[in-house]
């Protein structure tokens, strides 16, 4: 699977928007995706460093339309924690000068639909 097939869409609720300040982003993901696939997909799509992935499976609810009983589709939700503090790496370069290496990863996901 490619990254776009794993991450389906962001879940925007009151709770998920309040968790963005802590670096936790919530996504609706493919039902057969594993935690490592979700981690790799988020790192590839948004260029962030993922610290942890928590996954919740939801079964479809029973619904009734007149005489027929059916189920809503089952889905999987992933709560991804990203590194919000990236430190500049310094090392001694040529001539004993301290050299800084720029940040490789972003500290937030701007594509999520709103700013912090």
N, C-alpha and C. Protein backbone atom coordinates (compact mmCIF):
# COMPACT_ATOMS: atom_id res chain seq x y z
N UNK A 1 0.84 -1.19 0.00
CA UNK A 1 0.00 0.00 0.00
C UNK A 1 0.88 1.25 0.00
N UNK A 2 0.40 2.27 -0.65
CA UNK A 2 1.12 3.55 -0.63
C UNK A 2 0.55 4.41 0.49
N UNK A 3 1.26 5.47 0.83
CA UNK A 3 0.90 6.29 1.98
C UNK A 3 -0.48 6.92 1.84
N UNK A 4 -0.87 7.29 0.63
CA UNK A 4 -2.17 7.92 0.43
C UNK A 4 -3.31 6.92 0.64
N UNK A 5 -3.05 5.63 0.47
CA UNK A 5 -4.08 4.63 0.70
C UNK A 5 -4.23 4.29 2.18
N UNK A 6 -3.22 4.57 2.98
CA UNK A 6 -3.27 4.25 4.41
C UNK A 6 -3.97 5.36 5.19
N UNK A 7 -3.55 6.61 5.00
CA UNK A 7 -4.17 7.75 5.69
C UNK A 7 -5.33 8.22 4.84
N UNK A 8 -6.57 8.01 5.33
CA UNK A 8 -7.75 8.35 4.54
C UNK A 8 -8.15 9.82 4.71
N UNK A 9 -8.31 10.26 5.98
CA UNK A 9 -8.68 11.65 6.22
C UNK A 9 -8.44 11.98 7.69
N UNK A 10 -8.31 13.28 8.00
CA UNK A 10 -8.16 13.65 9.41
C UNK A 10 -9.51 13.61 10.12
N UNK A 11 -9.47 13.32 11.40
CA UNK A 11 -10.67 13.35 12.23
C UNK A 11 -10.64 14.66 13.01
N UNK A 12 -11.60 15.53 12.73
CA UNK A 12 -11.62 16.84 13.37
C UNK A 12 -12.82 16.90 14.31
N UNK A 13 -12.52 16.76 15.60
CA UNK A 13 -13.53 16.87 16.64
C UNK A 13 -13.00 17.84 17.70
N UNK A 14 -13.81 18.13 18.69
CA UNK A 14 -13.38 19.04 19.74
C UNK A 14 -12.19 18.45 20.51
N UNK A 15 -12.25 17.17 20.79
CA UNK A 15 -11.17 16.53 21.53
C UNK A 15 -9.89 16.47 20.70
N UNK A 16 -10.00 16.11 19.43
CA UNK A 16 -8.80 15.99 18.60
C UNK A 16 -8.14 17.35 18.37
N UNK A 17 -8.90 18.41 18.26
CA UNK A 17 -8.30 19.73 18.09
C UNK A 17 -7.62 20.22 19.36
N UNK A 18 -8.11 19.82 20.52
CA UNK A 18 -7.45 20.21 21.76
C UNK A 18 -6.16 19.42 21.99
N UNK A 19 -6.06 18.23 21.41
CA UNK A 19 -4.84 17.42 21.56
C UNK A 19 -3.73 17.84 20.61
N UNK A 20 -4.02 18.71 19.66
CA UNK A 20 -2.98 19.16 18.72
C UNK A 20 -1.89 19.93 19.45
N UNK A 21 -2.25 20.65 20.51
CA UNK A 21 -1.25 21.39 21.28
C UNK A 21 -0.22 20.45 21.91
N UNK A 22 -0.61 19.21 22.18
CA UNK A 22 0.31 18.21 22.75
C UNK A 22 1.05 17.43 21.66
N UNK A 23 0.76 17.73 20.38
CA UNK A 23 1.42 17.03 19.29
C UNK A 23 0.74 15.75 18.89
N UNK A 24 -0.55 15.59 19.22
CA UNK A 24 -1.30 14.39 18.87
C UNK A 24 -2.29 14.72 17.76
N UNK A 25 -2.18 14.00 16.66
CA UNK A 25 -3.05 14.19 15.51
C UNK A 25 -3.84 12.91 15.28
N UNK A 26 -5.12 13.06 14.92
CA UNK A 26 -6.02 11.92 14.77
C UNK A 26 -6.39 11.77 13.30
N UNK A 27 -6.27 10.54 12.79
CA UNK A 27 -6.57 10.24 11.39
C UNK A 27 -7.47 9.02 11.30
N UNK A 28 -8.33 9.01 10.28
CA UNK A 28 -9.06 7.81 9.93
C UNK A 28 -8.17 7.07 8.94
N UNK A 29 -7.88 5.80 9.22
CA UNK A 29 -6.91 5.04 8.42
C UNK A 29 -7.57 3.80 7.84
N UNK A 30 -6.88 3.14 6.93
CA UNK A 30 -7.36 1.90 6.33
C UNK A 30 -7.51 0.83 7.41
N UNK A 31 -8.53 0.01 7.28
CA UNK A 31 -8.84 -0.99 8.31
C UNK A 31 -7.73 -2.03 8.44
N UNK A 32 -7.05 -2.36 7.34
CA UNK A 32 -6.02 -3.39 7.40
C UNK A 32 -4.61 -2.82 7.60
N UNK A 33 -4.48 -1.53 7.93
CA UNK A 33 -3.17 -0.91 8.13
C UNK A 33 -2.63 -1.25 9.52
N UNK A 34 -1.32 -1.47 9.61
CA UNK A 34 -0.67 -1.74 10.89
C UNK A 34 -0.08 -0.45 11.44
N UNK A 35 0.38 -0.50 12.69
CA UNK A 35 0.97 0.68 13.32
C UNK A 35 2.23 1.15 12.59
N UNK A 36 3.06 0.22 12.17
CA UNK A 36 4.28 0.61 11.47
C UNK A 36 3.98 1.22 10.11
N UNK A 37 2.97 0.70 9.42
CA UNK A 37 2.58 1.29 8.14
C UNK A 37 2.03 2.70 8.34
N UNK A 38 1.25 2.91 9.40
CA UNK A 38 0.70 4.23 9.70
C UNK A 38 1.82 5.20 10.02
N UNK A 39 2.78 4.75 10.83
CA UNK A 39 3.92 5.61 11.19
C UNK A 39 4.70 6.02 9.95
N UNK A 40 5.02 5.07 9.08
CA UNK A 40 5.77 5.37 7.87
C UNK A 40 4.99 6.31 6.95
N UNK A 41 3.68 6.11 6.85
CA UNK A 41 2.86 6.94 5.97
C UNK A 41 2.81 8.39 6.46
N UNK A 42 2.65 8.59 7.77
CA UNK A 42 2.59 9.95 8.32
C UNK A 42 3.94 10.64 8.16
N UNK A 43 5.03 9.91 8.42
CA UNK A 43 6.36 10.50 8.26
C UNK A 43 6.62 10.88 6.80
N UNK A 44 6.16 10.07 5.86
CA UNK A 44 6.38 10.34 4.45
C UNK A 44 5.51 11.49 3.96
N UNK A 45 4.23 11.49 4.33
CA UNK A 45 3.30 12.50 3.81
C UNK A 45 3.54 13.89 4.40
N UNK A 46 3.82 13.98 5.70
CA UNK A 46 3.87 15.27 6.37
C UNK A 46 5.27 15.69 6.80
N UNK A 47 6.29 14.84 6.59
CA UNK A 47 7.68 15.16 6.93
C UNK A 47 7.84 15.53 8.41
N UNK A 48 7.29 14.70 9.28
CA UNK A 48 7.41 14.86 10.73
C UNK A 48 8.00 13.59 11.31
N UNK A 49 8.50 13.67 12.56
CA UNK A 49 9.01 12.48 13.24
C UNK A 49 7.92 11.96 14.18
N UNK A 50 7.52 10.73 14.00
CA UNK A 50 6.44 10.12 14.78
C UNK A 50 7.05 9.43 15.99
N UNK A 51 6.52 9.76 17.18
CA UNK A 51 6.98 9.12 18.41
C UNK A 51 6.18 7.86 18.72
N UNK A 52 4.85 7.93 18.58
CA UNK A 52 4.03 6.75 18.87
C UNK A 52 2.74 6.80 18.06
N UNK A 53 2.13 5.62 17.92
CA UNK A 53 0.87 5.47 17.20
C UNK A 53 -0.06 4.64 18.07
N UNK A 54 -1.23 5.17 18.37
CA UNK A 54 -2.27 4.43 19.08
C UNK A 54 -3.42 4.21 18.11
N UNK A 55 -3.97 2.98 18.11
CA UNK A 55 -4.98 2.61 17.13
C UNK A 55 -6.24 2.15 17.85
N UNK A 56 -7.40 2.57 17.31
CA UNK A 56 -8.70 2.17 17.85
C UNK A 56 -9.52 1.61 16.70
N UNK A 57 -10.06 0.39 16.87
CA UNK A 57 -10.94 -0.22 15.87
C UNK A 57 -12.38 0.00 16.28
N UNK A 58 -13.20 0.46 15.35
CA UNK A 58 -14.62 0.67 15.61
C UNK A 58 -15.43 -0.29 14.74
N UNK A 59 -16.35 -1.03 15.37
CA UNK A 59 -17.27 -1.87 14.62
C UNK A 59 -18.42 -1.01 14.13
N UNK A 60 -19.05 -1.46 13.07
CA UNK A 60 -20.20 -0.73 12.55
C UNK A 60 -21.39 -0.86 13.49
N UNK A 61 -22.18 0.19 13.59
CA UNK A 61 -23.36 0.17 14.45
C UNK A 61 -24.54 -0.44 13.69
N UNK A 62 -25.42 -1.08 14.44
CA UNK A 62 -26.63 -1.61 13.83
C UNK A 62 -27.58 -0.46 13.53
N UNK A 63 -28.08 -0.42 12.31
CA UNK A 63 -29.04 0.58 11.89
C UNK A 63 -30.21 -0.13 11.22
N UNK A 64 -31.35 0.55 11.28
CA UNK A 64 -32.54 -0.05 10.72
C UNK A 64 -33.22 0.95 9.81
N UNK A 65 -33.58 0.51 8.62
CA UNK A 65 -34.39 1.32 7.72
C UNK A 65 -35.65 0.52 7.42
N UNK A 66 -36.69 0.94 8.01
CA UNK A 66 -37.98 0.29 7.93
C UNK A 66 -37.88 -1.16 8.39
N UNK A 67 -37.88 -2.12 7.49
CA UNK A 67 -37.86 -3.52 7.91
C UNK A 67 -36.47 -4.15 7.81
N UNK A 68 -35.57 -3.50 7.13
CA UNK A 68 -34.25 -4.07 6.90
C UNK A 68 -33.29 -3.61 8.00
N UNK A 69 -32.50 -4.54 8.51
CA UNK A 69 -31.49 -4.22 9.52
C UNK A 69 -30.13 -4.37 8.86
N UNK A 70 -29.27 -3.38 9.06
CA UNK A 70 -27.94 -3.42 8.48
C UNK A 70 -26.93 -2.82 9.43
N UNK A 71 -25.72 -2.68 8.97
CA UNK A 71 -24.63 -2.11 9.78
C UNK A 71 -24.00 -0.96 9.03
N UNK A 72 -23.53 0.03 9.79
CA UNK A 72 -22.71 1.08 9.21
C UNK A 72 -21.31 0.50 9.03
N UNK A 73 -20.49 1.08 8.17
CA UNK A 73 -19.17 0.50 7.94
C UNK A 73 -18.27 0.60 9.17
N UNK A 74 -17.44 -0.43 9.36
CA UNK A 74 -16.43 -0.41 10.41
C UNK A 74 -15.27 0.46 9.95
N UNK A 75 -14.54 1.08 10.90
CA UNK A 75 -13.40 1.90 10.53
C UNK A 75 -12.35 1.84 11.61
N UNK A 76 -11.16 2.33 11.29
CA UNK A 76 -10.03 2.34 12.21
C UNK A 76 -9.56 3.78 12.36
N UNK A 77 -9.27 4.17 13.59
CA UNK A 77 -8.80 5.52 13.89
C UNK A 77 -7.42 5.42 14.52
N UNK A 78 -6.49 6.29 14.09
CA UNK A 78 -5.14 6.29 14.62
C UNK A 78 -4.83 7.65 15.24
N UNK A 79 -4.29 7.63 16.46
CA UNK A 79 -3.84 8.85 17.14
C UNK A 79 -2.32 8.83 17.09
N UNK A 80 -1.75 9.77 16.35
CA UNK A 80 -0.32 9.80 16.08
C UNK A 80 0.31 10.92 16.89
N UNK A 81 1.32 10.60 17.70
CA UNK A 81 2.05 11.60 18.47
C UNK A 81 3.34 11.92 17.74
N UNK A 82 3.54 13.22 17.45
CA UNK A 82 4.75 13.63 16.74
C UNK A 82 5.67 14.37 17.68
N UNK A 83 6.93 14.48 17.29
CA UNK A 83 7.93 15.20 18.07
C UNK A 83 7.71 16.70 17.84
N UNK A 84 7.37 17.43 18.90
CA UNK A 84 7.11 18.86 18.76
C UNK A 84 8.34 19.70 19.05
N UNK A 85 9.33 19.14 19.71
CA UNK A 85 10.56 19.87 20.02
C UNK A 85 11.70 19.24 19.25
N UNK A 86 12.14 19.93 18.22
CA UNK A 86 13.31 19.42 17.49
C UNK A 86 14.49 20.31 17.84
N UNK A 87 15.57 19.68 18.28
CA UNK A 87 16.76 20.41 18.70
C UNK A 87 17.73 20.49 17.53
N UNK A 88 18.37 21.64 17.39
CA UNK A 88 19.41 21.76 16.39
C UNK A 88 20.62 20.95 16.86
N UNK A 89 21.20 20.20 15.96
CA UNK A 89 22.36 19.39 16.28
C UNK A 89 23.61 20.21 16.00
N UNK A 90 24.49 20.31 16.99
CA UNK A 90 25.74 21.04 16.79
C UNK A 90 26.91 20.07 16.92
N UNK A 91 27.92 20.30 16.14
CA UNK A 91 29.13 19.50 16.22
C UNK A 91 30.32 20.39 15.89
N UNK A 92 31.51 19.94 16.26
CA UNK A 92 32.72 20.70 15.96
C UNK A 92 33.16 20.40 14.54
N UNK A 93 33.24 21.45 13.76
CA UNK A 93 33.63 21.31 12.36
C UNK A 93 35.10 21.60 12.16
N UNK A 94 35.43 21.97 10.97
CA UNK A 94 36.81 22.25 10.60
C UNK A 94 37.32 23.46 11.36
N UNK A 95 38.48 23.36 11.94
CA UNK A 95 39.05 24.48 12.68
C UNK A 95 38.49 24.64 14.07
N UNK A 96 37.72 23.69 14.56
CA UNK A 96 37.17 23.76 15.91
C UNK A 96 35.95 24.65 16.04
N UNK A 97 35.34 25.04 14.92
CA UNK A 97 34.14 25.88 14.96
C UNK A 97 32.91 25.01 15.18
N UNK A 98 31.98 25.53 15.97
CA UNK A 98 30.72 24.82 16.21
C UNK A 98 29.82 25.02 14.99
N UNK A 99 29.36 23.93 14.42
CA UNK A 99 28.52 23.97 13.23
C UNK A 99 27.15 23.41 13.58
N UNK A 100 26.10 24.11 13.14
CA UNK A 100 24.74 23.65 13.39
C UNK A 100 24.19 22.96 12.16
N UNK A 101 23.43 21.90 12.42
CA UNK A 101 22.72 21.21 11.36
C UNK A 101 21.27 21.61 11.47
N UNK A 102 20.65 22.00 10.37
CA UNK A 102 19.26 22.44 10.38
C UNK A 102 18.31 21.31 10.74
N UNK A 103 17.08 21.70 11.07
CA UNK A 103 16.06 20.72 11.42
C UNK A 103 15.70 19.90 10.20
N UNK A 104 15.58 18.60 10.41
CA UNK A 104 15.20 17.72 9.32
C UNK A 104 13.68 17.55 9.27
N UNK A 105 13.05 17.61 10.42
CA UNK A 105 11.62 17.36 10.51
C UNK A 105 10.88 18.61 10.95
N UNK A 106 9.60 18.70 10.57
CA UNK A 106 8.75 19.78 11.02
C UNK A 106 8.22 19.45 12.42
N UNK A 107 7.74 20.48 13.13
CA UNK A 107 7.22 20.26 14.48
C UNK A 107 5.70 20.33 14.54
N UNK A 108 5.03 20.52 13.43
CA UNK A 108 3.57 20.50 13.38
C UNK A 108 3.13 20.13 11.98
N UNK A 109 1.86 19.78 11.85
CA UNK A 109 1.30 19.41 10.56
C UNK A 109 0.37 20.55 10.13
N UNK A 110 0.83 21.39 9.20
CA UNK A 110 0.02 22.51 8.75
C UNK A 110 -1.09 22.06 7.83
N UNK A 111 -0.91 20.93 7.16
CA UNK A 111 -1.90 20.44 6.19
C UNK A 111 -3.13 19.84 6.87
N UNK A 112 -3.18 19.85 8.19
CA UNK A 112 -4.25 19.21 8.93
C UNK A 112 -5.58 19.95 8.76
N UNK A 113 -5.54 21.18 8.30
CA UNK A 113 -6.78 21.91 8.04
C UNK A 113 -6.91 23.20 8.81
N UNK A 114 -6.08 23.41 9.80
CA UNK A 114 -6.12 24.64 10.59
C UNK A 114 -4.81 24.81 11.31
N UNK A 115 -4.51 26.04 11.73
CA UNK A 115 -3.26 26.31 12.43
C UNK A 115 -3.38 26.13 13.92
N UNK A 116 -2.23 26.19 14.58
CA UNK A 116 -2.26 26.02 16.03
C UNK A 116 -2.47 27.33 16.72
